[in-house]
Amino acid sequence: MNYSNQREQALAMCYVPWQRWSKLYKPCEALRRGTLFPCLDKPYKGGKS
């Protein structure tokens, strides 16, 4: 296929909001939970809300 006539478009765009620095988990707890930041800790509940 010849794509030279098509306009160049972005494949995707992202938005990353600013985060405020807050309290942190201790290193061992952060490794267990998979994140250093408690505000980002969203445990998987098997599809239940």
PDB file of N, CA and C in Angstrom:
ATOM      1  N   MET A   1       0.826  -1.183   0.000  1.00  0.00           N
ATOM      2  CA  MET A   1       0.000   0.000   0.000  1.00  0.00           C
ATOM      3  C   MET A   1       0.870   1.245   0.000  1.00  0.00           C
ATOM      4  N   ASN A   2       0.368   2.271  -0.611  1.00  0.00           N
ATOM      5  CA  ASN A   2       1.081   3.532  -0.642  1.00  0.00           C
ATOM      6  C   ASN A   2       0.428   4.490   0.345  1.00  0.00           C
ATOM      7  N   TYR A   3       1.141   4.815   1.395  1.00  0.00           N
ATOM      8  CA  TYR A   3       0.608   5.695   2.418  1.00  0.00           C
ATOM      9  C   TYR A   3       1.087   7.134   2.256  1.00  0.00           C
ATOM     10  N   SER A   4       1.796   7.441   1.198  1.00  0.00           N
ATOM     11  CA  SER A   4       2.388   8.762   1.045  1.00  0.00           C
ATOM     12  C   SER A   4       1.345   9.863   0.881  1.00  0.00           C
ATOM     13  N   ASN A   5       0.134   9.542   0.470  1.00  0.00           N
ATOM     14  CA  ASN A   5      -0.901  10.561   0.282  1.00  0.00           C
ATOM     15  C   ASN A   5      -1.733  10.799   1.532  1.00  0.00           C
ATOM     16  N   GLN A   6      -1.585   9.970   2.553  1.00  0.00           N
ATOM     17  CA  GLN A   6      -2.374  10.130   3.768  1.00  0.00           C
ATOM     18  C   GLN A   6      -1.718  11.149   4.698  1.00  0.00           C
ATOM     19  N   ARG A   7      -2.571  11.882   5.422  1.00  0.00           N
ATOM     20  CA  ARG A   7      -2.037  12.820   6.412  1.00  0.00           C
ATOM     21  C   ARG A   7      -1.450  12.035   7.572  1.00  0.00           C
ATOM     22  N   GLU A   8      -0.398  12.570   8.146  1.00  0.00           N
ATOM     23  CA  GLU A   8       0.211  11.917   9.301  1.00  0.00           C
ATOM     24  C   GLU A   8      -0.634  12.224  10.538  1.00  0.00           C
ATOM     25  N   GLN A   9      -1.088  11.198  11.253  1.00  0.00           N
ATOM     26  CA  GLN A   9      -1.904  11.381  12.436  1.00  0.00           C
ATOM     27  C   GLN A   9      -1.266  10.670  13.621  1.00  0.00           C
ATOM     28  N   ALA A  10      -1.525  11.215  14.789  1.00  0.00           N
ATOM     29  CA  ALA A  10      -0.996  10.597  16.003  1.00  0.00           C
ATOM     30  C   ALA A  10      -1.717   9.280  16.264  1.00  0.00           C
ATOM     31  N   LEU A  11      -0.964   8.279  16.631  1.00  0.00           N
ATOM     32  CA  LEU A  11      -1.537   6.981  16.949  1.00  0.00           C
ATOM     33  C   LEU A  11      -2.344   7.051  18.244  1.00  0.00           C
ATOM     34  N   ALA A  12      -1.807   7.771  19.211  1.00  0.00           N
ATOM     35  CA  ALA A  12      -2.486   7.906  20.501  1.00  0.00           C
ATOM     36  C   ALA A  12      -1.955   9.138  21.216  1.00  0.00           C
ATOM     37  N   MET A  13      -2.741   9.622  22.141  1.00  0.00           N
ATOM     38  CA  MET A  13      -2.317  10.743  22.981  1.00  0.00           C
ATOM     39  C   MET A  13      -2.620  10.365  24.427  1.00  0.00           C
ATOM     40  N   CYS A  14      -1.806  10.843  25.341  1.00  0.00           N
ATOM     41  CA  CYS A  14      -2.056  10.527  26.744  1.00  0.00           C
ATOM     42  C   CYS A  14      -2.121  11.810  27.561  1.00  0.00           C
ATOM     43  N   TYR A  15      -2.746  11.702  28.690  1.00  0.00           N
ATOM     44  CA  TYR A  15      -2.833  12.806  29.645  1.00  0.00           C
ATOM     45  C   TYR A  15      -2.398  12.264  30.989  1.00  0.00           C
ATOM     46  N   VAL A  16      -1.398  12.880  31.576  1.00  0.00           N
ATOM     47  CA  VAL A  16      -0.898  12.456  32.881  1.00  0.00           C
ATOM     48  C   VAL A  16      -1.002  13.647  33.828  1.00  0.00           C
ATOM     49  N   PRO A  17      -1.961  13.611  34.742  1.00  0.00           N
ATOM     50  CA  PRO A  17      -2.134  14.748  35.652  1.00  0.00           C
ATOM     51  C   PRO A  17      -0.980  14.846  36.651  1.00  0.00           C
ATOM     52  N   TRP A  18      -0.739  16.039  37.127  1.00  0.00           N
ATOM     53  CA  TRP A  18       0.268  16.246  38.159  1.00  0.00           C
ATOM     54  C   TRP A  18      -0.176  15.560  39.434  1.00  0.00           C
ATOM     55  N   GLN A  19       0.771  14.983  40.126  1.00  0.00           N
ATOM     56  CA  GLN A  19       0.464  14.338  41.395  1.00  0.00           C
ATOM     57  C   GLN A  19       1.184  15.078  42.511  1.00  0.00           C
ATOM     58  N   ARG A  20       0.536  15.175  43.632  1.00  0.00           N
ATOM     59  CA  ARG A  20       1.178  15.769  44.805  1.00  0.00           C
ATOM     60  C   ARG A  20       1.938  14.683  45.546  1.00  0.00           C
ATOM     61  N   TRP A  21       3.113  15.058  46.039  1.00  0.00           N
ATOM     62  CA  TRP A  21       3.919  14.126  46.818  1.00  0.00           C
ATOM     63  C   TRP A  21       3.223  13.912  48.149  1.00  0.00           C
ATOM     64  N   SER A  22       2.956  12.679  48.498  1.00  0.00           N
ATOM     65  CA  SER A  22       2.268  12.382  49.751  1.00  0.00           C
ATOM     66  C   SER A  22       3.026  11.293  50.487  1.00  0.00           C
ATOM     67  N   LYS A  23       2.397  10.741  51.520  1.00  0.00           N
ATOM     68  CA  LYS A  23       3.082   9.712  52.305  1.00  0.00           C
ATOM     69  C   LYS A  23       3.395   8.492  51.431  1.00  0.00           C
ATOM     70  N   LEU A  24       4.421   7.764  51.832  1.00  0.00           N
ATOM     71  CA  LEU A  24       4.886   6.594  51.088  1.00  0.00           C
ATOM     72  C   LEU A  24       4.787   5.353  51.950  1.00  0.00           C
ATOM     73  N   TYR A  25       4.652   4.213  51.288  1.00  0.00           N
ATOM     74  CA  TYR A  25       4.772   2.948  52.006  1.00  0.00           C
ATOM     75  C   TYR A  25       6.241   2.712  52.343  1.00  0.00           C
ATOM     76  N   LYS A  26       6.473   1.962  53.389  1.00  0.00           N
ATOM     77  CA  LYS A  26       7.831   1.524  53.678  1.00  0.00           C
ATOM     78  C   LYS A  26       8.249   0.567  52.571  1.00  0.00           C
ATOM     79  N   PRO A  27       9.553   0.440  52.268  1.00  0.00           N
ATOM     80  CA  PRO A  27      10.001  -0.375  51.128  1.00  0.00           C
ATOM     81  C   PRO A  27       9.432  -1.794  51.084  1.00  0.00           C
ATOM     82  N   CYS A  28       9.419  -2.510  52.199  1.00  0.00           N
ATOM     83  CA  CYS A  28       8.903  -3.885  52.191  1.00  0.00           C
ATOM     84  C   CYS A  28       7.411  -3.918  51.863  1.00  0.00           C
ATOM     85  N   GLU A  29       6.652  -2.962  52.413  1.00  0.00           N
ATOM     86  CA  GLU A  29       5.218  -2.889  52.141  1.00  0.00           C
ATOM     87  C   GLU A  29       4.973  -2.500  50.679  1.00  0.00           C
ATOM     88  N   ALA A  30       5.784  -1.589  50.161  1.00  0.00           N
ATOM     89  CA  ALA A  30       5.651  -1.167  48.767  1.00  0.00           C
ATOM     90  C   ALA A  30       5.883  -2.344  47.816  1.00  0.00           C
ATOM     91  N   LEU A  31       6.858  -3.182  48.097  1.00  0.00           N
ATOM     92  CA  LEU A  31       7.103  -4.363  47.258  1.00  0.00           C
ATOM     93  C   LEU A  31       5.932  -5.331  47.327  1.00  0.00           C
ATOM     94  N   ARG A  32       5.372  -5.506  48.509  1.00  0.00           N
ATOM     95  CA  ARG A  32       4.242  -6.418  48.670  1.00  0.00           C
ATOM     96  C   ARG A  32       3.012  -5.914  47.926  1.00  0.00           C
ATOM     97  N   ARG A  33       2.775  -4.609  47.965  1.00  0.00           N
ATOM     98  CA  ARG A  33       1.580  -4.024  47.352  1.00  0.00           C
ATOM     99  C   ARG A  33       1.765  -3.669  45.883  1.00  0.00           C
ATOM    100  N   GLY A  34       3.007  -3.558  45.429  1.00  0.00           N
ATOM    101  CA  GLY A  34       3.253  -3.234  44.020  1.00  0.00           C
ATOM    102  C   GLY A  34       3.257  -1.750  43.711  1.00  0.00           C
ATOM    103  N   THR A  35       3.260  -0.921  44.727  1.00  0.00           N
ATOM    104  CA  THR A  35       3.342   0.525  44.530  1.00  0.00           C
ATOM    105  C   THR A  35       3.933   1.169  45.773  1.00  0.00           C
ATOM    106  N   LEU A  36       4.617   2.256  45.573  1.00  0.00           N
ATOM    107  CA  LEU A  36       5.204   3.013  46.673  1.00  0.00           C
ATOM    108  C   LEU A  36       4.200   3.993  47.276  1.00  0.00           C
ATOM    109  N   PHE A  37       3.179   4.340  46.480  1.00  0.00           N
ATOM    110  CA  PHE A  37       2.250   5.392  46.866  1.00  0.00           C
ATOM    111  C   PHE A  37       0.882   4.825  47.281  1.00  0.00           C
ATOM    112  N   PRO A  38       0.461   5.035  48.525  1.00  0.00           N
ATOM    113  CA  PRO A  38      -0.841   4.537  48.970  1.00  0.00           C
ATOM    114  C   PRO A  38      -2.007   5.056  48.124  1.00  0.00           C
ATOM    115  N   CYS A  39      -1.918   6.281  47.612  1.00  0.00           N
ATOM    116  CA  CYS A  39      -3.022   6.827  46.819  1.00  0.00           C
ATOM    117  C   CYS A  39      -3.176   6.102  45.484  1.00  0.00           C
ATOM    118  N   LEU A  40      -2.156   5.364  45.057  1.00  0.00           N
ATOM    119  CA  LEU A  40      -2.239   4.595  43.806  1.00  0.00           C
ATOM    120  C   LEU A  40      -2.530   3.122  44.057  1.00  0.00           C
ATOM    121  N   ASP A  41      -2.671   2.754  45.296  1.00  0.00           N
ATOM    122  CA  ASP A  41      -2.892   1.351  45.663  1.00  0.00           C
ATOM    123  C   ASP A  41      -4.357   0.991  45.406  1.00  0.00           C
ATOM    124  N   LYS A  42      -4.604   0.305  44.324  1.00  0.00           N
ATOM    125  CA  LYS A  42      -5.957  -0.102  43.944  1.00  0.00           C
ATOM    126  C   LYS A  42      -5.979  -1.624  43.830  1.00  0.00           C
ATOM    127  N   PRO A  43      -6.216  -2.312  44.929  1.00  0.00           N
ATOM    128  CA  PRO A  43      -6.183  -3.780  44.913  1.00  0.00           C
ATOM    129  C   PRO A  43      -7.223  -4.363  43.950  1.00  0.00           C
ATOM    130  N   TYR A  44      -6.863  -5.440  43.292  1.00  0.00           N
ATOM    131  CA  TYR A  44      -7.769  -6.147  42.396  1.00  0.00           C
ATOM    132  C   TYR A  44      -8.751  -6.947  43.228  1.00  0.00           C
ATOM    133  N   LYS A  45     -10.043  -6.788  42.954  1.00  0.00           N
ATOM    134  CA  LYS A  45     -11.075  -7.475  43.731  1.00  0.00           C
ATOM    135  C   LYS A  45     -11.840  -8.486  42.890  1.00  0.00           C
ATOM    136  N   GLY A  46     -11.215  -9.006  41.859  1.00  0.00           N
ATOM    137  CA  GLY A  46     -11.848 -10.038  41.049  1.00  0.00           C
ATOM    138  C   GLY A  46     -13.040  -9.581  40.253  1.00  0.00           C
ATOM    139  N   GLY A  47     -13.046  -8.326  39.805  1.00  0.00           N
ATOM    140  CA  GLY A  47     -14.138  -7.813  39.009  1.00  0.00           C
ATOM    141  C   GLY A  47     -15.314  -7.300  39.811  1.00  0.00           C
ATOM    142  N   LYS A  48     -15.232  -7.366  41.123  1.00  0.00           N
ATOM    143  CA  LYS A  48     -16.297  -6.842  41.989  1.00  0.00           C
ATOM    144  C   LYS A  48     -15.928  -5.433  42.435  1.00  0.00           C
ATOM    145  N   SER A  49     -16.900  -4.569  42.509  1.00  0.00           N
ATOM    146  CA  SER A  49     -16.608  -3.183  42.910  1.00  0.00           C
ATOM    147  C   SER A  49     -16.654  -2.962  44.388  1.00  0.00           C
TER     148      SER A  49
END
